[in-house]
PDB file of all heavy atoms in Angstrom:
ATOM      1  N   THR A   1     108.697  70.030  60.536  1.00  0.00           N
ATOM      2  CA  THR A   1     107.549  69.241  60.991  1.00  0.00           C
ATOM      3  C   THR A   1     107.104  69.702  62.348  1.00  0.00           C
ATOM      4  O   THR A   1     105.926  69.932  62.635  1.00  0.00           O
ATOM      5  CB  THR A   1     107.900  67.638  61.182  1.00  0.00           C
ATOM      6  OG1 THR A   1     108.394  67.209  59.894  1.00  0.00           O
ATOM      7  CG2 THR A   1     106.741  66.856  61.750  1.00  0.00           C
ATOM      8  N   ILE A   2     107.992  69.896  63.282  1.00  0.00           N
ATOM      9  CA  ILE A   2     107.734  70.484  64.587  1.00  0.00           C
ATOM     10  C   ILE A   2     107.123  71.888  64.517  1.00  0.00           C
ATOM     11  O   ILE A   2     106.164  72.178  65.239  1.00  0.00           O
ATOM     12  CB  ILE A   2     109.002  70.358  65.563  1.00  0.00           C
ATOM     13  CG1 ILE A   2     109.464  68.925  65.672  1.00  0.00           C
ATOM     14  CG2 ILE A   2     108.686  70.906  66.948  1.00  0.00           C
ATOM     15  CD1 ILE A   2     110.716  68.854  66.466  1.00  0.00           C
ATOM     16  N   SER A   3     107.733  72.677  63.654  1.00  0.00           N
ATOM     17  CA  SER A   3     107.274  74.065  63.547  1.00  0.00           C
ATOM     18  C   SER A   3     105.814  74.055  62.976  1.00  0.00           C
ATOM     19  O   SER A   3     105.003  74.815  63.474  1.00  0.00           O
ATOM     20  CB  SER A   3     108.190  74.747  62.522  1.00  0.00           C
ATOM     21  OG  SER A   3     107.729  76.060  62.287  1.00  0.00           O
ATOM     22  N   ALA A   4     105.467  73.177  61.987  1.00  0.00           N
ATOM     23  CA  ALA A   4     104.141  73.156  61.467  1.00  0.00           C
ATOM     24  C   ALA A   4     103.196  72.660  62.471  1.00  0.00           C
ATOM     25  O   ALA A   4     102.104  73.015  62.502  1.00  0.00           O
ATOM     26  CB  ALA A   4     104.224  72.200  60.213  1.00  0.00           C
ATOM     27  N   ALA A   5     103.563  71.719  63.280  1.00  0.00           N
ATOM     28  CA  ALA A   5     102.655  71.231  64.280  1.00  0.00           C
ATOM     29  C   ALA A   5     102.371  72.145  65.380  1.00  0.00           C
ATOM     30  O   ALA A   5     101.116  72.276  65.787  1.00  0.00           O
ATOM     31  CB  ALA A   5     103.315  69.951  64.958  1.00  0.00           C
ATOM     32  N   LEU A   6     103.276  72.985  65.794  1.00  0.00           N
ATOM     33  CA  LEU A   6     102.978  74.136  66.662  1.00  0.00           C
ATOM     34  C   LEU A   6     102.110  75.157  66.116  1.00  0.00           C
ATOM     35  O   LEU A   6     101.282  75.625  66.665  1.00  0.00           O
ATOM     36  CB  LEU A   6     104.331  74.711  67.140  1.00  0.00           C
ATOM     37  CG  LEU A   6     105.254  73.793  68.052  1.00  0.00           C
ATOM     38  CD1 LEU A   6     106.494  74.585  68.296  1.00  0.00           C
ATOM     39  CD2 LEU A   6     104.554  73.376  69.326  1.00  0.00           C
ATOM     40  N   ALA A   7     102.270  75.469  64.805  1.00  0.00           N
ATOM     41  CA  ALA A   7     101.455  76.303  64.183  1.00  0.00           C
ATOM     42  C   ALA A   7      99.972  75.846  64.064  1.00  0.00           C
ATOM     43  O   ALA A   7      98.952  76.558  64.157  1.00  0.00           O
ATOM     44  CB  ALA A   7     101.950  76.647  62.744  1.00  0.00           C
ATOM     45  N   GLY A   8      99.867  74.583  63.837  1.00  0.00           N
ATOM     46  CA  GLY A   8      98.579  73.932  63.833  1.00  0.00           C
ATOM     47  C   GLY A   8      97.846  73.973  65.112  1.00  0.00           C
ATOM     48  O   GLY A   8      96.569  74.173  65.120  1.00  0.00           O
ATOM     49  N   ALA A   9      98.604  73.878  66.240  1.00  0.00           N
ATOM     50  CA  ALA A   9      98.017  74.038  67.504  1.00  0.00           C
ATOM     51  C   ALA A   9      97.455  75.453  67.801  1.00  0.00           C
ATOM     52  O   ALA A   9      96.341  75.607  68.304  1.00  0.00           O
ATOM     53  CB  ALA A   9      99.004  73.774  68.654  1.00  0.00           C
ATOM     54  N   ALA A  10      98.221  76.430  67.242  1.00  0.00           N
ATOM     55  CA  ALA A  10      97.704  77.892  67.285  1.00  0.00           C
ATOM     56  C   ALA A  10      96.456  77.873  66.458  1.00  0.00           C
ATOM     57  O   ALA A  10      95.515  78.660  66.812  1.00  0.00           O
ATOM     58  CB  ALA A  10      98.745  78.767  66.785  1.00  0.00           C
ATOM     59  N   GLY A  11      96.344  77.351  65.293  1.00  0.00           N
ATOM     60  CA  GLY A  11      95.233  77.387  64.480  1.00  0.00           C
ATOM     61  C   GLY A  11      93.992  76.754  65.065  1.00  0.00           C
ATOM     62  O   GLY A  11      92.841  77.265  64.910  1.00  0.00           O
ATOM     63  N   SER A  12      94.220  75.650  65.851  1.00  0.00           N
ATOM     64  CA  SER A  12      93.064  75.154  66.580  1.00  0.00           C
ATOM     65  C   SER A  12      92.492  76.005  67.602  1.00  0.00           C
ATOM     66  O   SER A  12      91.269  76.109  67.785  1.00  0.00           O
ATOM     67  CB  SER A  12      93.580  73.801  67.336  1.00  0.00           C
ATOM     68  OG  SER A  12      92.601  73.284  68.090  1.00  0.00           O
ATOM     69  N   LEU A  13      93.393  76.703  68.352  1.00  0.00           N
ATOM     70  CA  LEU A  13      92.923  77.675  69.298  1.00  0.00           C
ATOM     71  C   LEU A  13      92.076  78.734  68.782  1.00  0.00           C
ATOM     72  O   LEU A  13      90.984  79.232  69.257  1.00  0.00           O
ATOM     73  CB  LEU A  13      94.034  78.207  70.110  1.00  0.00           C
ATOM     74  CG  LEU A  13      94.928  77.337  71.032  1.00  0.00           C
ATOM     75  CD1 LEU A  13      96.040  78.111  71.725  1.00  0.00           C
ATOM     76  CD2 LEU A  13      94.044  76.579  71.967  1.00  0.00           C
ATOM     77  N   TYR A  14      92.595  79.122  67.510  1.00  0.00           N
ATOM     78  CA  TYR A  14      91.872  80.347  66.761  1.00  0.00           C
ATOM     79  C   TYR A  14      90.500  79.838  66.388  1.00  0.00           C
ATOM     80  O   TYR A  14      89.504  80.560  66.444  1.00  0.00           O
ATOM     81  CB  TYR A  14      92.701  80.655  65.584  1.00  0.00           C
ATOM     82  CG  TYR A  14      92.194  81.674  64.597  1.00  0.00           C
ATOM     83  CD1 TYR A  14      92.442  82.979  64.834  1.00  0.00           C
ATOM     84  CD2 TYR A  14      91.249  81.354  63.563  1.00  0.00           C
ATOM     85  CE1 TYR A  14      92.011  84.069  64.010  1.00  0.00           C
ATOM     86  CE2 TYR A  14      90.649  82.373  62.774  1.00  0.00           C
ATOM     87  CZ  TYR A  14      91.092  83.725  62.987  1.00  0.00           C
ATOM     88  OH  TYR A  14      90.640  84.657  62.200  1.00  0.00           O
ATOM     89  N   ALA A  15      90.410  78.494  65.879  1.00  0.00           N
ATOM     90  CA  ALA A  15      89.142  78.148  65.416  1.00  0.00           C
ATOM     91  C   ALA A  15      88.083  77.971  66.533  1.00  0.00           C
ATOM     92  O   ALA A  15      86.916  78.367  66.425  1.00  0.00           O
ATOM     93  CB  ALA A  15      89.174  76.705  64.752  1.00  0.00           C
ATOM     94  N   HIS A  16      88.551  77.393  67.679  1.00  0.00           N
ATOM     95  CA  HIS A  16      87.649  77.183  68.797  1.00  0.00           C
ATOM     96  C   HIS A  16      87.263  78.428  69.606  1.00  0.00           C
ATOM     97  O   HIS A  16      86.299  78.615  70.439  1.00  0.00           O
ATOM     98  CB  HIS A  16      88.201  76.080  69.668  1.00  0.00           C
ATOM     99  CG  HIS A  16      88.009  74.771  69.035  1.00  0.00           C
ATOM    100  ND1 HIS A  16      86.908  73.940  68.932  1.00  0.00           N
ATOM    101  CD2 HIS A  16      89.111  74.013  68.454  1.00  0.00           C
ATOM    102  CE1 HIS A  16      87.189  72.839  68.299  1.00  0.00           C
ATOM    103  NE2 HIS A  16      88.515  72.876  68.045  1.00  0.00           N
ATOM    104  N   TYR A  17      88.155  79.506  69.409  1.00  0.00           N
ATOM    105  CA  TYR A  17      87.825  80.677  70.122  1.00  0.00           C
ATOM    106  C   TYR A  17      86.897  81.562  69.352  1.00  0.00           C
ATOM    107  O   TYR A  17      85.962  82.061  69.876  1.00  0.00           O
ATOM    108  CB  TYR A  17      89.088  81.448  70.384  1.00  0.00           C
ATOM    109  CG  TYR A  17      88.857  82.895  71.011  1.00  0.00           C
ATOM    110  CD1 TYR A  17      88.406  82.969  72.219  1.00  0.00           C
ATOM    111  CD2 TYR A  17      89.208  83.956  70.219  1.00  0.00           C
ATOM    112  CE1 TYR A  17      88.190  84.167  72.809  1.00  0.00           C
ATOM    113  CE2 TYR A  17      89.019  85.247  70.751  1.00  0.00           C
ATOM    114  CZ  TYR A  17      88.516  85.349  72.075  1.00  0.00           C
ATOM    115  OH  TYR A  17      88.298  86.667  72.597  1.00  0.00           O
ATOM    116  N   PHE A  18      87.253  81.766  68.074  1.00  0.00           N
ATOM    117  CA  PHE A  18      86.327  82.600  67.250  1.00  0.00           C
ATOM    118  C   PHE A  18      85.134  81.850  66.738  1.00  0.00           C
ATOM    119  O   PHE A  18      84.082  82.420  66.262  1.00  0.00           O
ATOM    120  CB  PHE A  18      87.082  83.090  66.061  1.00  0.00           C
ATOM    121  CG  PHE A  18      88.021  84.190  66.424  1.00  0.00           C
ATOM    122  CD1 PHE A  18      89.390  83.909  66.562  1.00  0.00           C
ATOM    123  CD2 PHE A  18      87.685  85.485  66.810  1.00  0.00           C
ATOM    124  CE1 PHE A  18      90.270  84.942  66.895  1.00  0.00           C
ATOM    125  CE2 PHE A  18      88.535  86.519  67.129  1.00  0.00           C
ATOM    126  CZ  PHE A  18      89.894  86.142  67.232  1.00  0.00           C
ATOM    127  N   ARG A  19      85.166  80.570  66.676  1.00  0.00           N
ATOM    128  CA  ARG A  19      84.149  79.578  66.359  1.00  0.00           C
ATOM    129  C   ARG A  19      83.575  79.821  64.894  1.00  0.00           C
ATOM    130  O   ARG A  19      82.424  79.264  64.499  1.00  0.00           O
ATOM    131  CB  ARG A  19      82.829  79.784  67.322  1.00  0.00           C
ATOM    132  CG  ARG A  19      83.178  79.614  68.785  1.00  0.00           C
ATOM    133  CD  ARG A  19      82.033  79.647  69.636  1.00  0.00           C
ATOM    134  NE  ARG A  19      81.222  78.453  69.356  1.00  0.00           N
ATOM    135  CZ  ARG A  19      79.945  78.466  69.597  1.00  0.00           C
ATOM    136  NH1 ARG A  19      79.228  79.532  70.061  1.00  0.00           N
ATOM    137  NH2 ARG A  19      79.151  77.405  69.269  1.00  0.00           N
ATOM    138  N   ILE A  20      84.322  80.457  64.105  1.00  0.00           N
ATOM    139  CA  ILE A  20      84.097  80.546  62.595  1.00  0.00           C
ATOM    140  C   ILE A  20      85.355  80.665  61.944  1.00  0.00           C
ATOM    141  O   ILE A  20      86.222  81.485  62.355  1.00  0.00           O
ATOM    142  CB  ILE A  20      83.103  81.716  62.424  1.00  0.00           C
ATOM    143  CG1 ILE A  20      82.855  81.820  60.920  1.00  0.00           C
ATOM    144  CG2 ILE A  20      83.710  82.990  62.913  1.00  0.00           C
ATOM    145  CD1 ILE A  20      81.773  82.843  60.547  1.00  0.00           C
ATOM    146  N   ILE A  21      85.531  79.953  60.851  1.00  0.00           N
ATOM    147  CA  ILE A  21      86.684  80.144  59.902  1.00  0.00           C
ATOM    148  C   ILE A  21      86.331  79.953  58.518  1.00  0.00           C
ATOM    149  O   ILE A  21      85.349  79.328  58.095  1.00  0.00           O
ATOM    150  CB  ILE A  21      87.801  79.187  60.241  1.00  0.00           C
ATOM    151  CG1 ILE A  21      87.271  77.654  60.194  1.00  0.00           C
ATOM    152  CG2 ILE A  21      88.528  79.256  61.603  1.00  0.00           C
ATOM    153  CD1 ILE A  21      88.231  76.531  60.292  1.00  0.00           C
ATOM    154  N   ASP A  22      87.095  80.820  57.690  1.00  0.00           N
ATOM    155  CA  ASP A  22      86.823  80.718  56.278  1.00  0.00           C
ATOM    156  C   ASP A  22      88.237  80.800  55.519  1.00  0.00           C
ATOM    157  O   ASP A  22      89.257  80.913  56.289  1.00  0.00           O
ATOM    158  CB  ASP A  22      85.938  81.868  55.817  1.00  0.00           C
ATOM    159  CG  ASP A  22      86.505  83.215  56.186  1.00  0.00           C
ATOM    160  OD1 ASP A  22      87.746  83.327  56.416  1.00  0.00           O
ATOM    161  OD2 ASP A  22      85.667  84.224  56.343  1.00  0.00           O
ATOM    162  N   PRO A  23      88.298  80.675  54.221  1.00  0.00           N
ATOM    163  CA  PRO A  23      89.581  80.675  53.637  1.00  0.00           C
ATOM    164  C   PRO A  23      90.425  81.972  53.743  1.00  0.00           C
ATOM    165  O   PRO A  23      91.566  81.962  53.501  1.00  0.00           O
ATOM    166  CB  PRO A  23      89.197  80.643  52.101  1.00  0.00           C
ATOM    167  CG  PRO A  23      87.896  79.890  52.117  1.00  0.00           C
ATOM    168  CD  PRO A  23      87.138  80.438  53.314  1.00  0.00           C
ATOM    169  N   ASP A  24      89.768  83.038  54.305  1.00  0.00           N
ATOM    170  CA  ASP A  24      90.690  84.235  54.680  1.00  0.00           C
ATOM    171  C   ASP A  24      91.681  83.930  55.737  1.00  0.00           C
ATOM    172  O   ASP A  24      92.624  84.852  55.921  1.00  0.00           O
ATOM    173  CB  ASP A  24      89.711  85.389  55.124  1.00  0.00           C
ATOM    174  CG  ASP A  24      89.083  86.083  53.986  1.00  0.00           C
ATOM    175  OD1 ASP A  24      89.360  85.725  52.753  1.00  0.00           O
ATOM    176  OD2 ASP A  24      88.130  86.794  54.155  1.00  0.00           O
TER     177      ASP A  24
END
């Protein structure tokens, strides 16, 4: 659970930095 939550935080940074996400 904690591991997944930290990975989700990284994913959020990715989305707001690149400002575009797709299934890739």
